Amino acid sequence: MSFDGKRLKKIIRERSEKVSQSLTFEALNLFGLVVRKLNRQQARRLGAFVGDFLHRILGLRRALVYRNLSLTFPEKSPEEIRRIATAMYRNVASTFLEVMRLPLIRTREDAAALVDIEGDAAFRAWQRSGETGAVFISAHYGNWELMAMAFGLMIHPVTIIVKRLRNRVIDTKMNEYRTMRGNRIVYPAQSVREGLRLLQKGGTLAILGDQSDPDEANFDEFLGRRATILHGAAFFALRAKVPMFMPICTSNGDGRYTITVSTIDTSDLTFNKEDIATLAVRYTRAIEAEIRRRPEEWFWLHNRWKRG
């Protein structure tokens, strides 16, 4: 029997990955236990410390963040850009810690103690009508994971289209948190069939529509630069003939959050290629407006324009 070096290397690599993922899983569980022992004020201070460490010491994607901010806001001084970046890193770290604390939110009352939900007239009318079919388009803005759980507990359970993370252990843990209070998740490969079936039965579908997608061939401007624009949410809303709302979660600065829900008008559109593109641009512009209003709340660590 001949020695197969390539096969041996493959076996070693696969076993190393399994060990690494197991260690990651145990570390996440341990870290979650520690974070959940902290009170909210302590967790906020830790979030600021971790954010500053990622920003100033590790320099996590720092060049990318500063480049994106400078190109998006050419009118801002280097000092203003630095302040936005500092706040963004702190917000991202605090959001991660809040994800670790999601198991502490067990009831509608728990969610309401952390989150206020304010909607426009059309959203309030939709709530009063008792109808549940709707598409929610949002962004990696503020605390989007907390927003999904709070929305599911305080308004109606939602099914969230999520991308599978490269690290399967983290992916499994994140989805455990996302679904522990009644929400569901679906991966993109199954989303068309499952999403339409859900909407036809009166369910609610949630999509984050602000990031670059390698499978997306539709281009437009995003924050002034050419980028892929996600059409999926527009497809679902127009195909299923359901309303579209945009919830945005922002920090109040005191450990609490406000979710503001606005309507994305679809009344002048029908299900065709041109109108899908029109609606996609419409909600993209709405997301842009929120990012420009409070840039520190958006996830600038993502290379949004890499396919432009």
Foldseek 3Di string as FASTA:
>chain_A
DDDDPVVVVVVVVVVVLVVVLVVVLVVLVVVLVVLLVDDLVVLLVVLLVQLCCVCPPVVQLVVLLLVVQCVLCVVDDPVVSVVLSSLLSSQVSSLVSVLSNLVVQAALVSLVVFEAEAEDPVVVVCQVVPFQQEEEEEALFRNVLSVQLNCCRNGNAEEEEDAQDPSNSVSVVSQCSSPVHPHHYDYPVCCVVVVLVQNLVRHYYYYYWQAADPVAPDWDDASRDIAGFDLVSLQSCQVSVHWYKYWHWHDPPPSHIYIYIYTQDCPVDHNDDVRSVVSRVSVSVVNSVVCVVRVSRHDSSGNRHPPD
